[in-house]
Amino acid sequence: MTAAFFDVDGTLTRTNVLVPLAWFQRAHLPSWRYGIWLAGLMVQAPLYWLADRIDRTLFVRWFYRRYKGIPAASARQWHAQHFGDMLLQALRPAAFACVQTHRAQGHRIVLVTGNLDFVVAPLAELLGADFLAVALEERDGVFTGRLASPPMVGAAKATALREYAQRHGIVLATSYAYGDSISDAPMLMCVGNPVAVNPDPKLRRLAQQRGWRIVTW
C-alpha cells in the first residue's frame, strides 16, 4: 500500500503550535485575563522564535509547558467540537486538493505533526486521515505541561513514520511525504517521493541538491 504523509503546520495549514492554545484560552478566559495571558505570550514570542531556530525539540518542550494546569477533558472536548472547522479555514486550498488527489488514487493519508494529538485529531477526522502526534502528560485529569511522548521533530518524525509503515504494510519506496521545514527532512528522506512545500531556505537547498519536487501552496 502507498501512503501520503503530511506535516501539518506550515504545510497543510497556515498555522503553528501557538494558534490552538491561543484560541482555546480566548474561548475559556475572561477577556481581561486573556489579555494578560496574550501579552505574556507576545513578550516570550521572540524567545520562542529563537529557541525554535536553535533547537526545535527545546522549543516544543518549552512551549508546551504553557498547557500546565489546563483540565485535559475540557481541552479535548473543546478541540473536538470547535477546532476542526477552525483548521479547515486555515487549510491551504492546494493542500486540500493534494490530499483529495491522493485519496482518489487509493493512498492512505497520514498526518505527521509536532502538534498535540487532541489538536490534530479533528482535522484528521475531517480529512479521513490517520495521525502521528505528541501527547501531553496528565495527572489527576490536569495537564502537567510535560510531554508523555517524544517531541515529533526531526529524526523522531522519521522514526514514527517508519514504524507506522511497518505496522500497516506501507511501501515507502512508492509513498509520498510533504514538509515545509528543514526539520521535516528526515521524514522526507524516508519515502520515494519527497515534496518540499513552501520550503524554508535550508530545506529548499536540500531539495534542490537532491532533486526533490518543490511546490508552492
N, C-alpha and C. Protein backbone atom coordinates (compact mmCIF):
# COMPACT_ATOMS: atom_id res chain seq x y z
N MET A 1 0.84 -1.20 0.00
CA MET A 1 0.00 0.00 0.00
C MET A 1 0.88 1.25 0.00
N THR A 2 0.43 2.25 -0.72
CA THR A 2 1.12 3.54 -0.78
C THR A 2 0.45 4.52 0.17
N ALA A 3 1.24 5.37 0.81
CA ALA A 3 0.71 6.38 1.71
C ALA A 3 1.24 7.75 1.33
N ALA A 4 0.51 8.77 1.76
CA ALA A 4 0.97 10.16 1.64
C ALA A 4 1.04 10.74 3.04
N PHE A 5 2.25 11.08 3.47
CA PHE A 5 2.49 11.61 4.81
C PHE A 5 2.61 13.14 4.74
N PHE A 6 1.87 13.83 5.56
CA PHE A 6 1.85 15.29 5.54
C PHE A 6 2.23 15.89 6.89
N ASP A 7 3.22 16.78 6.89
CA ASP A 7 3.38 17.69 8.01
C ASP A 7 2.14 18.60 8.02
N VAL A 8 1.80 19.16 9.17
CA VAL A 8 0.58 19.98 9.26
C VAL A 8 0.90 21.47 9.27
N ASP A 9 1.48 21.97 10.35
CA ASP A 9 1.71 23.41 10.48
C ASP A 9 2.68 23.92 9.42
N GLY A 10 2.21 24.86 8.60
CA GLY A 10 3.06 25.43 7.56
C GLY A 10 3.03 24.66 6.26
N THR A 11 2.55 23.43 6.30
CA THR A 11 2.46 22.61 5.09
C THR A 11 1.01 22.49 4.66
N LEU A 12 0.21 21.82 5.46
CA LEU A 12 -1.22 21.73 5.15
C LEU A 12 -1.96 23.00 5.54
N THR A 13 -1.57 23.60 6.65
CA THR A 13 -2.31 24.75 7.19
C THR A 13 -1.40 25.96 7.39
N ARG A 14 -2.04 27.12 7.48
CA ARG A 14 -1.33 28.37 7.75
C ARG A 14 -1.34 28.64 9.26
N THR A 15 -0.97 27.65 10.04
CA THR A 15 -0.99 27.78 11.50
C THR A 15 0.35 27.34 12.07
N ASN A 16 0.49 27.51 13.40
CA ASN A 16 1.64 26.99 14.12
C ASN A 16 1.16 26.53 15.49
N VAL A 17 2.06 26.02 16.31
CA VAL A 17 1.64 25.43 17.58
C VAL A 17 1.09 26.45 18.56
N LEU A 18 1.36 27.74 18.35
CA LEU A 18 0.84 28.77 19.25
C LEU A 18 -0.66 28.98 19.05
N VAL A 19 -1.14 28.80 17.83
CA VAL A 19 -2.53 29.15 17.48
C VAL A 19 -3.57 28.36 18.28
N PRO A 20 -3.48 27.02 18.37
CA PRO A 20 -4.52 26.29 19.09
C PRO A 20 -4.68 26.72 20.54
N LEU A 21 -3.55 26.94 21.23
CA LEU A 21 -3.63 27.34 22.63
C LEU A 21 -4.24 28.73 22.76
N ALA A 22 -3.87 29.63 21.85
CA ALA A 22 -4.42 30.99 21.90
C ALA A 22 -5.94 30.96 21.70
N TRP A 23 -6.41 30.17 20.74
CA TRP A 23 -7.86 30.08 20.51
C TRP A 23 -8.57 29.45 21.71
N PHE A 24 -7.96 28.44 22.29
CA PHE A 24 -8.58 27.78 23.45
C PHE A 24 -8.68 28.76 24.62
N GLN A 25 -7.60 29.46 24.89
CA GLN A 25 -7.61 30.39 26.02
C GLN A 25 -8.60 31.54 25.78
N ARG A 26 -8.70 32.01 24.56
CA ARG A 26 -9.65 33.08 24.26
C ARG A 26 -11.08 32.63 24.53
N ALA A 27 -11.34 31.34 24.29
CA ALA A 27 -12.69 30.82 24.49
C ALA A 27 -13.00 30.56 25.96
N HIS A 28 -11.98 30.43 26.81
CA HIS A 28 -12.21 30.00 28.18
C HIS A 28 -11.86 31.02 29.26
N LEU A 29 -11.08 32.02 28.91
CA LEU A 29 -10.68 33.02 29.91
C LEU A 29 -11.53 34.28 29.78
N PRO A 30 -11.81 34.96 30.90
CA PRO A 30 -12.42 36.29 30.80
C PRO A 30 -11.53 37.19 29.96
N SER A 31 -12.12 38.16 29.30
CA SER A 31 -11.37 38.97 28.35
C SER A 31 -10.15 39.63 28.99
N TRP A 32 -10.28 40.10 30.24
CA TRP A 32 -9.14 40.76 30.87
C TRP A 32 -8.02 39.78 31.16
N ARG A 33 -8.37 38.56 31.57
CA ARG A 33 -7.34 37.56 31.83
C ARG A 33 -6.70 37.09 30.53
N TYR A 34 -7.51 36.98 29.49
CA TYR A 34 -6.95 36.58 28.20
C TYR A 34 -5.97 37.65 27.70
N GLY A 35 -6.32 38.91 27.91
CA GLY A 35 -5.42 39.98 27.50
C GLY A 35 -4.07 39.89 28.20
N ILE A 36 -4.10 39.60 29.49
CA ILE A 36 -2.85 39.44 30.25
C ILE A 36 -2.08 38.23 29.74
N TRP A 37 -2.81 37.12 29.53
CA TRP A 37 -2.16 35.89 29.04
C TRP A 37 -1.52 36.14 27.68
N LEU A 38 -2.25 36.80 26.78
CA LEU A 38 -1.74 37.05 25.43
C LEU A 38 -0.53 37.98 25.47
N ALA A 39 -0.57 38.98 26.35
CA ALA A 39 0.57 39.88 26.47
C ALA A 39 1.82 39.12 26.91
N GLY A 40 1.64 38.18 27.84
CA GLY A 40 2.77 37.35 28.27
C GLY A 40 3.31 36.50 27.14
N LEU A 41 2.40 35.98 26.32
CA LEU A 41 2.83 35.18 25.17
C LEU A 41 3.62 36.03 24.19
N MET A 42 3.15 37.25 23.93
CA MET A 42 3.83 38.13 22.99
C MET A 42 5.23 38.52 23.50
N VAL A 43 5.35 38.69 24.80
CA VAL A 43 6.66 39.02 25.37
C VAL A 43 7.64 37.88 25.14
N GLN A 44 7.14 36.65 25.28
CA GLN A 44 8.02 35.49 25.13
C GLN A 44 8.18 35.05 23.67
N ALA A 45 7.36 35.56 22.77
CA ALA A 45 7.38 35.11 21.38
C ALA A 45 8.77 35.18 20.74
N PRO A 46 9.54 36.28 20.92
CA PRO A 46 10.88 36.31 20.32
C PRO A 46 11.79 35.20 20.87
N LEU A 47 11.63 34.89 22.16
CA LEU A 47 12.44 33.82 22.74
C LEU A 47 12.02 32.46 22.19
N TYR A 48 10.72 32.27 21.99
CA TYR A 48 10.25 31.03 21.37
C TYR A 48 10.82 30.91 19.96
N TRP A 49 10.79 32.02 19.23
CA TRP A 49 11.31 32.01 17.86
C TRP A 49 12.79 31.63 17.86
N LEU A 50 13.55 32.21 18.78
CA LEU A 50 14.98 31.92 18.86
C LEU A 50 15.21 30.46 19.24
N ALA A 51 14.45 29.96 20.22
CA ALA A 51 14.60 28.57 20.62
C ALA A 51 14.28 27.62 19.47
N ASP A 52 13.27 27.97 18.68
CA ASP A 52 12.89 27.14 17.54
C ASP A 52 14.01 27.09 16.52
N ARG A 53 14.70 28.21 16.34
CA ARG A 53 15.81 28.24 15.37
C ARG A 53 17.01 27.46 15.88
N ILE A 54 17.24 27.48 17.19
CA ILE A 54 18.39 26.79 17.76
C ILE A 54 18.15 25.29 17.86
N ASP A 55 16.99 24.92 18.40
CA ASP A 55 16.68 23.51 18.64
C ASP A 55 15.17 23.36 18.75
N ARG A 56 14.53 22.82 17.73
CA ARG A 56 13.06 22.73 17.73
C ARG A 56 12.55 21.84 18.85
N THR A 57 13.31 20.82 19.22
CA THR A 57 12.90 19.97 20.33
C THR A 57 12.83 20.77 21.62
N LEU A 58 13.83 21.62 21.84
CA LEU A 58 13.83 22.50 23.01
C LEU A 58 12.60 23.41 22.99
N PHE A 59 12.33 23.99 21.84
CA PHE A 59 11.17 24.88 21.72
C PHE A 59 9.88 24.15 22.05
N VAL A 60 9.69 22.95 21.50
CA VAL A 60 8.45 22.20 21.72
C VAL A 60 8.25 21.92 23.21
N ARG A 61 9.29 21.41 23.87
CA ARG A 61 9.17 21.11 25.30
C ARG A 61 8.88 22.37 26.11
N TRP A 62 9.52 23.46 25.74
CA TRP A 62 9.35 24.72 26.47
C TRP A 62 7.94 25.27 26.26
N PHE A 63 7.50 25.33 25.01
CA PHE A 63 6.19 25.93 24.74
C PHE A 63 5.06 25.14 25.37
N TYR A 64 5.12 23.82 25.30
CA TYR A 64 4.01 23.02 25.82
C TYR A 64 3.87 23.08 27.34
N ARG A 65 4.85 23.68 28.02
CA ARG A 65 4.69 23.93 29.45
C ARG A 65 3.53 24.89 29.71
N ARG A 66 3.16 25.65 28.69
CA ARG A 66 2.04 26.59 28.84
C ARG A 66 0.70 25.88 29.04
N TYR A 67 0.66 24.58 28.77
CA TYR A 67 -0.58 23.82 28.99
C TYR A 67 -0.71 23.37 30.45
N LYS A 68 0.30 23.62 31.26
CA LYS A 68 0.25 23.19 32.65
C LYS A 68 -0.97 23.77 33.36
N GLY A 69 -1.72 22.91 34.03
CA GLY A 69 -2.88 23.35 34.80
C GLY A 69 -4.19 23.35 34.04
N ILE A 70 -4.16 23.11 32.74
CA ILE A 70 -5.39 23.08 31.95
C ILE A 70 -6.07 21.72 32.12
N PRO A 71 -7.36 21.68 32.44
CA PRO A 71 -8.06 20.39 32.55
C PRO A 71 -8.05 19.65 31.21
N ALA A 72 -7.59 18.42 31.23
CA ALA A 72 -7.43 17.65 30.00
C ALA A 72 -8.76 17.42 29.29
N ALA A 73 -9.79 17.05 30.06
CA ALA A 73 -11.08 16.76 29.44
C ALA A 73 -11.66 17.99 28.76
N SER A 74 -11.51 19.14 29.39
CA SER A 74 -12.01 20.38 28.82
C SER A 74 -11.31 20.70 27.50
N ALA A 75 -9.99 20.54 27.47
CA ALA A 75 -9.24 20.82 26.25
C ALA A 75 -9.63 19.87 25.13
N ARG A 76 -9.75 18.60 25.46
CA ARG A 76 -10.12 17.63 24.43
C ARG A 76 -11.52 17.89 23.89
N GLN A 77 -12.44 18.16 24.78
CA GLN A 77 -13.82 18.38 24.36
C GLN A 77 -13.94 19.62 23.48
N TRP A 78 -13.29 20.70 23.89
CA TRP A 78 -13.38 21.94 23.11
C TRP A 78 -12.79 21.76 21.72
N HIS A 79 -11.61 21.14 21.65
CA HIS A 79 -10.98 20.95 20.34
C HIS A 79 -11.81 20.02 19.46
N ALA A 80 -12.39 18.99 20.04
CA ALA A 80 -13.21 18.06 19.26
C ALA A 80 -14.43 18.77 18.67
N GLN A 81 -14.99 19.71 19.41
CA GLN A 81 -16.21 20.39 18.97
C GLN A 81 -15.95 21.56 18.03
N HIS A 82 -14.82 22.24 18.22
CA HIS A 82 -14.63 23.52 17.52
C HIS A 82 -13.42 23.59 16.60
N PHE A 83 -12.36 22.87 16.93
CA PHE A 83 -11.09 23.18 16.27
C PHE A 83 -10.99 22.64 14.86
N GLY A 84 -11.71 21.57 14.54
CA GLY A 84 -11.67 21.04 13.19
C GLY A 84 -12.10 22.06 12.17
N ASP A 85 -13.21 22.74 12.42
CA ASP A 85 -13.69 23.77 11.49
C ASP A 85 -12.72 24.93 11.40
N MET A 86 -12.10 25.28 12.53
CA MET A 86 -11.12 26.37 12.51
C MET A 86 -9.92 26.00 11.65
N LEU A 87 -9.46 24.76 11.78
CA LEU A 87 -8.32 24.33 10.98
C LEU A 87 -8.68 24.22 9.51
N LEU A 88 -9.91 23.81 9.23
CA LEU A 88 -10.33 23.75 7.83
C LEU A 88 -10.24 25.13 7.18
N GLN A 89 -10.57 26.17 7.93
CA GLN A 89 -10.47 27.52 7.39
C GLN A 89 -9.02 27.91 7.13
N ALA A 90 -8.11 27.33 7.90
CA ALA A 90 -6.68 27.63 7.74
C ALA A 90 -6.00 26.68 6.76
N LEU A 91 -6.75 25.69 6.26
CA LEU A 91 -6.18 24.71 5.34
C LEU A 91 -5.91 25.35 3.99
N ARG A 92 -4.72 25.17 3.48
CA ARG A 92 -4.38 25.72 2.17
C ARG A 92 -5.20 25.00 1.10
N PRO A 93 -5.87 25.72 0.19
CA PRO A 93 -6.68 25.06 -0.84
C PRO A 93 -5.90 24.05 -1.67
N ALA A 94 -4.67 24.39 -2.04
CA ALA A 94 -3.86 23.47 -2.83
C ALA A 94 -3.50 22.23 -2.03
N ALA A 95 -3.33 22.40 -0.72
CA ALA A 95 -3.03 21.26 0.14
C ALA A 95 -4.22 20.32 0.20
N PHE A 96 -5.41 20.89 0.36
CA PHE A 96 -6.62 20.06 0.39
C PHE A 96 -6.80 19.32 -0.92
N ALA A 97 -6.54 19.99 -2.04
CA ALA A 97 -6.65 19.34 -3.34
C ALA A 97 -5.66 18.19 -3.46
N CYS A 98 -4.47 18.37 -2.91
CA CYS A 98 -3.46 17.32 -2.95
C CYS A 98 -3.90 16.10 -2.14
N VAL A 99 -4.46 16.35 -0.96
CA VAL A 99 -4.98 15.25 -0.14
C VAL A 99 -6.06 14.50 -0.90
N GLN A 100 -6.95 15.23 -1.53
CA GLN A 100 -8.04 14.60 -2.28
C GLN A 100 -7.51 13.77 -3.44
N THR A 101 -6.48 14.26 -4.10
CA THR A 101 -5.88 13.51 -5.21
C THR A 101 -5.29 12.20 -4.73
N HIS A 102 -4.58 12.24 -3.62
CA HIS A 102 -4.01 11.01 -3.07
C HIS A 102 -5.11 10.03 -2.66
N ARG A 103 -6.15 10.55 -2.05
CA ARG A 103 -7.25 9.66 -1.64
C ARG A 103 -7.90 9.01 -2.87
N ALA A 104 -8.08 9.78 -3.93
CA ALA A 104 -8.69 9.24 -5.15
C ALA A 104 -7.84 8.13 -5.76
N GLN A 105 -6.53 8.18 -5.50
CA GLN A 105 -5.62 7.16 -6.00
C GLN A 105 -5.51 5.97 -5.06
N GLY A 106 -6.28 6.00 -3.99
CA GLY A 106 -6.28 4.89 -3.04
C GLY A 106 -5.15 4.92 -2.04
N HIS A 107 -4.48 6.07 -1.91
CA HIS A 107 -3.37 6.18 -0.97
C HIS A 107 -3.89 6.46 0.44
N ARG A 108 -3.21 5.92 1.44
CA ARG A 108 -3.57 6.21 2.82
C ARG A 108 -3.00 7.58 3.20
N ILE A 109 -3.80 8.38 3.87
CA ILE A 109 -3.39 9.72 4.28
C ILE A 109 -2.98 9.69 5.75
N VAL A 110 -1.79 10.21 6.04
CA VAL A 110 -1.27 10.21 7.41
C VAL A 110 -0.70 11.59 7.72
N LEU A 111 -1.17 12.20 8.80
CA LEU A 111 -0.62 13.47 9.26
C LEU A 111 0.48 13.19 10.27
N VAL A 112 1.63 13.80 10.08
CA VAL A 112 2.78 13.61 10.97
C VAL A 112 3.15 14.99 11.50
N THR A 113 2.88 15.24 12.78
CA THR A 113 2.95 16.61 13.27
C THR A 113 3.55 16.72 14.67
N GLY A 114 4.20 17.83 14.91
CA GLY A 114 4.69 18.14 16.23
C GLY A 114 3.62 18.74 17.12
N ASN A 115 2.42 18.89 16.57
CA ASN A 115 1.32 19.41 17.37
C ASN A 115 0.74 18.32 18.26
N LEU A 116 -0.18 18.70 19.13
CA LEU A 116 -0.73 17.77 20.11
C LEU A 116 -1.80 16.88 19.50
N ASP A 117 -1.93 15.68 20.06
CA ASP A 117 -2.85 14.70 19.49
C ASP A 117 -4.29 15.21 19.46
N PHE A 118 -4.75 15.82 20.56
CA PHE A 118 -6.15 16.26 20.59
C PHE A 118 -6.37 17.50 19.73
N VAL A 119 -5.29 18.20 19.37
CA VAL A 119 -5.40 19.36 18.48
C VAL A 119 -5.57 18.91 17.03
N VAL A 120 -4.79 17.92 16.62
CA VAL A 120 -4.82 17.50 15.22
C VAL A 120 -5.92 16.48 14.94
N ALA A 121 -6.45 15.83 15.97
CA ALA A 121 -7.46 14.78 15.76
C ALA A 121 -8.68 15.26 14.98
N PRO A 122 -9.25 16.45 15.27
CA PRO A 122 -10.41 16.88 14.49
C PRO A 122 -10.11 17.07 13.01
N LEU A 123 -8.93 17.61 12.69
CA LEU A 123 -8.56 17.78 11.29
C LEU A 123 -8.37 16.43 10.62
N ALA A 124 -7.72 15.50 11.32
CA ALA A 124 -7.52 14.16 10.77
C ALA A 124 -8.85 13.50 10.45
N GLU A 125 -9.82 13.68 11.34
CA GLU A 125 -11.14 13.09 11.10
C GLU A 125 -11.80 13.70 9.87
N LEU A 126 -11.71 15.01 9.74
CA LEU A 126 -12.33 15.68 8.60
C LEU A 126 -11.66 15.29 7.28
N LEU A 127 -10.36 15.01 7.33
CA LEU A 127 -9.62 14.63 6.12
C LEU A 127 -9.62 13.13 5.88
N GLY A 128 -10.17 12.37 6.82
CA GLY A 128 -10.13 10.92 6.69
C GLY A 128 -8.72 10.38 6.79
N ALA A 129 -7.94 10.96 7.70
CA ALA A 129 -6.52 10.62 7.82
C ALA A 129 -6.21 9.99 9.17
N ASP A 130 -5.15 9.19 9.19
CA ASP A 130 -4.54 8.78 10.44
C ASP A 130 -3.59 9.90 10.87
N PHE A 131 -3.11 9.85 12.11
CA PHE A 131 -2.17 10.89 12.52
C PHE A 131 -1.18 10.36 13.54
N LEU A 132 0.01 10.96 13.49
CA LEU A 132 1.09 10.70 14.44
C LEU A 132 1.41 12.05 15.07
N ALA A 133 1.23 12.16 16.39
CA ALA A 133 1.34 13.46 17.04
C ALA A 133 1.92 13.31 18.44
N VAL A 134 1.94 14.41 19.17
CA VAL A 134 2.53 14.48 20.50
C VAL A 134 1.43 14.35 21.55
N ALA A 135 1.74 13.70 22.67
CA ALA A 135 0.79 13.58 23.78
C ALA A 135 1.34 14.32 25.00
N LEU A 136 0.43 14.95 25.74
CA LEU A 136 0.81 15.62 26.98
C LEU A 136 0.59 14.71 28.18
N GLU A 137 1.44 14.83 29.16
CA GLU A 137 1.28 14.09 30.41
C GLU A 137 0.12 14.67 31.21
N GLU A 138 -0.63 13.78 31.86
CA GLU A 138 -1.74 14.19 32.71
C GLU A 138 -1.52 13.67 34.13
N ARG A 139 -2.01 14.44 35.10
CA ARG A 139 -2.02 14.00 36.49
C ARG A 139 -3.31 14.50 37.13
N ASP A 140 -4.11 13.57 37.62
CA ASP A 140 -5.41 13.90 38.23
C ASP A 140 -6.28 14.71 37.27
N GLY A 141 -6.23 14.33 35.98
CA GLY A 141 -7.09 14.96 34.99
C GLY A 141 -6.64 16.33 34.52
N VAL A 142 -5.42 16.71 34.88
CA VAL A 142 -4.90 18.03 34.52
C VAL A 142 -3.57 17.86 33.80
N PHE A 143 -3.34 18.66 32.77
CA PHE A 143 -2.06 18.60 32.07
C PHE A 143 -0.95 19.14 32.97
N THR A 144 0.17 18.43 32.97
CA THR A 144 1.32 18.86 33.79
C THR A 144 2.23 19.83 33.05
N GLY A 145 2.07 19.91 31.73
CA GLY A 145 2.97 20.73 30.93
C GLY A 145 4.16 19.95 30.41
N ARG A 146 4.27 18.70 30.80
CA ARG A 146 5.34 17.84 30.29
C ARG A 146 4.79 16.91 29.21
N LEU A 147 5.68 16.43 28.36
CA LEU A 147 5.27 15.55 27.28
C LEU A 147 5.21 14.11 27.75
N ALA A 148 4.21 13.38 27.27
CA ALA A 148 4.09 11.95 27.56
C ALA A 148 4.66 11.11 26.44
N SER A 149 5.11 11.77 25.38
CA SER A 149 5.73 11.09 24.24
C SER A 149 6.84 11.99 23.71
N PRO A 150 7.79 11.44 22.97
CA PRO A 150 8.88 12.27 22.47
C PRO A 150 8.36 13.36 21.54
N PRO A 151 9.02 14.52 21.50
CA PRO A 151 8.63 15.55 20.54
C PRO A 151 8.70 15.00 19.11
N MET A 152 7.68 15.29 18.32
CA MET A 152 7.63 14.79 16.95
C MET A 152 8.38 15.79 16.06
N VAL A 153 9.70 15.73 16.15
CA VAL A 153 10.56 16.68 15.48
C VAL A 153 11.73 15.95 14.85
N GLY A 154 12.12 16.36 13.66
CA GLY A 154 13.31 15.83 13.04
C GLY A 154 13.32 14.32 12.89
N ALA A 155 14.36 13.68 13.46
CA ALA A 155 14.51 12.23 13.33
C ALA A 155 13.35 11.48 13.95
N ALA A 156 12.71 12.07 14.97
CA ALA A 156 11.57 11.40 15.61
C ALA A 156 10.41 11.24 14.64
N LYS A 157 10.23 12.21 13.74
CA LYS A 157 9.19 12.08 12.71
C LYS A 157 9.51 10.90 11.80
N ALA A 158 10.76 10.78 11.41
CA ALA A 158 11.15 9.69 10.53
C ALA A 158 10.95 8.34 11.22
N THR A 159 11.31 8.25 12.48
CA THR A 159 11.13 7.01 13.23
C THR A 159 9.66 6.64 13.32
N ALA A 160 8.82 7.61 13.65
CA ALA A 160 7.38 7.36 13.76
C ALA A 160 6.80 6.93 12.42
N LEU A 161 7.26 7.57 11.35
CA LEU A 161 6.78 7.22 10.01
C LEU A 161 7.14 5.79 9.65
N ARG A 162 8.39 5.42 9.89
CA ARG A 162 8.83 4.07 9.53
C ARG A 162 8.10 3.02 10.36
N GLU A 163 7.89 3.30 11.64
CA GLU A 163 7.17 2.34 12.50
C GLU A 163 5.73 2.20 12.04
N TYR A 164 5.11 3.31 11.67
CA TYR A 164 3.74 3.26 11.15
C TYR A 164 3.70 2.43 9.87
N ALA A 165 4.64 2.67 8.98
CA ALA A 165 4.68 1.94 7.72
C ALA A 165 4.83 0.44 7.95
N GLN A 166 5.66 0.07 8.90
CA GLN A 166 5.86 -1.35 9.19
C GLN A 166 4.59 -1.98 9.74
N ARG A 167 3.89 -1.26 10.60
CA ARG A 167 2.65 -1.80 11.20
C ARG A 167 1.55 -1.97 10.17
N HIS A 168 1.51 -1.09 9.18
CA HIS A 168 0.37 -1.05 8.26
C HIS A 168 0.70 -1.53 6.85
N GLY A 169 1.88 -2.07 6.67
CA GLY A 169 2.22 -2.61 5.35
C GLY A 169 2.37 -1.55 4.28
N ILE A 170 2.90 -0.39 4.65
CA ILE A 170 3.10 0.71 3.70
C ILE A 170 4.42 0.51 2.97
N VAL A 171 4.39 0.65 1.66
CA VAL A 171 5.61 0.57 0.85
C VAL A 171 6.19 1.98 0.74
N LEU A 172 7.28 2.22 1.43
CA LEU A 172 7.83 3.57 1.48
C LEU A 172 8.42 4.00 0.14
N ALA A 173 8.90 3.06 -0.65
CA ALA A 173 9.50 3.41 -1.94
C ALA A 173 8.51 4.06 -2.89
N THR A 174 7.23 3.74 -2.73
CA THR A 174 6.20 4.32 -3.61
C THR A 174 5.41 5.42 -2.91
N SER A 175 5.73 5.69 -1.66
CA SER A 175 4.95 6.64 -0.87
C SER A 175 5.46 8.07 -1.02
N TYR A 176 4.68 9.01 -0.48
CA TYR A 176 4.94 10.43 -0.60
C TYR A 176 5.06 11.05 0.80
N ALA A 177 5.83 12.12 0.89
CA ALA A 177 5.90 12.89 2.13
C ALA A 177 6.02 14.36 1.78
N TYR A 178 5.31 15.19 2.55
CA TYR A 178 5.26 16.63 2.30
C TYR A 178 5.66 17.38 3.56
N GLY A 179 6.59 18.33 3.43
CA GLY A 179 7.02 19.12 4.57
C GLY A 179 7.53 20.48 4.14
N ASP A 180 7.56 21.42 5.08
CA ASP A 180 7.96 22.79 4.75
C ASP A 180 9.25 23.24 5.41
N SER A 181 9.75 22.45 6.37
CA SER A 181 10.88 22.89 7.19
C SER A 181 12.03 21.90 7.08
N ILE A 182 13.24 22.40 7.32
CA ILE A 182 14.40 21.50 7.32
C ILE A 182 14.25 20.42 8.38
N SER A 183 13.47 20.68 9.43
CA SER A 183 13.25 19.65 10.45
C SER A 183 12.41 18.50 9.90
N ASP A 184 11.74 18.72 8.76
CA ASP A 184 10.98 17.65 8.12
C ASP A 184 11.84 16.78 7.21
N ALA A 185 13.10 17.18 6.99
CA ALA A 185 13.96 16.48 6.05
C ALA A 185 14.11 14.98 6.35
N PRO A 186 14.33 14.58 7.61
CA PRO A 186 14.44 13.13 7.87
C PRO A 186 13.20 12.36 7.45
N MET A 187 12.02 12.96 7.64
CA MET A 187 10.79 12.31 7.20
C MET A 187 10.73 12.22 5.68
N LEU A 188 11.12 13.29 5.00
CA LEU A 188 11.08 13.29 3.54
C LEU A 188 12.04 12.26 2.96
N MET A 189 13.15 12.04 3.65
CA MET A 189 14.14 11.08 3.16
C MET A 189 13.67 9.64 3.25
N CYS A 190 12.59 9.40 3.98
CA CYS A 190 12.10 8.03 4.18
C CYS A 190 11.36 7.47 2.97
N VAL A 191 10.89 8.36 2.10
CA VAL A 191 9.98 7.91 1.04
C VAL A 191 10.59 8.09 -0.34
N GLY A 192 9.96 7.45 -1.30
CA GLY A 192 10.44 7.56 -2.68
C GLY A 192 10.03 8.83 -3.37
N ASN A 193 9.03 9.53 -2.81
CA ASN A 193 8.51 10.74 -3.45
C ASN A 193 8.42 11.89 -2.44
N PRO A 194 9.55 12.49 -2.09
CA PRO A 194 9.53 13.61 -1.14
C PRO A 194 9.16 14.91 -1.86
N VAL A 195 8.40 15.75 -1.16
CA VAL A 195 7.98 17.03 -1.74
C VAL A 195 8.20 18.14 -0.71
N ALA A 196 8.93 19.16 -1.10
CA ALA A 196 9.15 20.33 -0.25
C ALA A 196 8.07 21.36 -0.56
N VAL A 197 7.30 21.74 0.45
CA VAL A 197 6.17 22.65 0.28
C VAL A 197 6.51 24.01 0.89
N ASN A 198 6.48 25.07 0.07
CA ASN A 198 6.84 26.40 0.60
C ASN A 198 8.07 26.29 1.50
N PRO A 199 9.15 25.69 1.03
CA PRO A 199 10.25 25.31 1.93
C PRO A 199 11.02 26.50 2.49
N ASP A 200 11.52 26.32 3.72
CA ASP A 200 12.43 27.32 4.27
C ASP A 200 13.75 27.22 3.50
N PRO A 201 14.64 28.21 3.63
CA PRO A 201 15.86 28.22 2.81
C PRO A 201 16.69 26.95 2.89
N LYS A 202 16.84 26.39 4.08
CA LYS A 202 17.66 25.19 4.23
C LYS A 202 17.02 24.00 3.53
N LEU A 203 15.71 23.85 3.68
CA LEU A 203 15.04 22.73 3.01
C LEU A 203 15.05 22.94 1.50
N ARG A 204 14.91 24.17 1.05
CA ARG A 204 14.95 24.43 -0.40
C ARG A 204 16.30 24.02 -0.98
N ARG A 205 17.37 24.37 -0.30
CA ARG A 205 18.70 23.99 -0.79
C ARG A 205 18.85 22.48 -0.84
N LEU A 206 18.40 21.81 0.21
CA LEU A 206 18.50 20.35 0.24
C LEU A 206 17.66 19.73 -0.87
N ALA A 207 16.46 20.25 -1.06
CA ALA A 207 15.58 19.72 -2.10
C ALA A 207 16.20 19.91 -3.48
N GLN A 208 16.81 21.05 -3.71
CA GLN A 208 17.46 21.30 -5.00
C GLN A 208 18.65 20.37 -5.20
N GLN A 209 19.41 20.14 -4.15
CA GLN A 209 20.57 19.25 -4.24
C GLN A 209 20.16 17.82 -4.54
N ARG A 210 19.05 17.40 -3.97
CA ARG A 210 18.61 16.01 -4.11
C ARG A 210 17.60 15.81 -5.23
N GLY A 211 17.22 16.88 -5.89
CA GLY A 211 16.28 16.75 -6.99
C GLY A 211 14.85 16.46 -6.55
N TRP A 212 14.50 16.90 -5.34
CA TRP A 212 13.13 16.70 -4.85
C TRP A 212 12.20 17.71 -5.51
N ARG A 213 10.94 17.35 -5.58
CA ARG A 213 9.94 18.27 -6.10
C ARG A 213 9.72 19.39 -5.09
N ILE A 214 9.60 20.61 -5.59
CA ILE A 214 9.33 21.78 -4.77
C ILE A 214 8.03 22.41 -5.26
N VAL A 215 7.08 22.64 -4.34
CA VAL A 215 5.80 23.22 -4.73
C VAL A 215 5.48 24.41 -3.84
N THR A 216 4.64 25.28 -4.35
CA THR A 216 4.15 26.43 -3.59
C THR A 216 2.64 26.30 -3.45
N TRP A 217 2.18 26.28 -2.21
CA TRP A 217 0.74 26.14 -1.93
C TRP A 217 0.21 27.43 -1.32
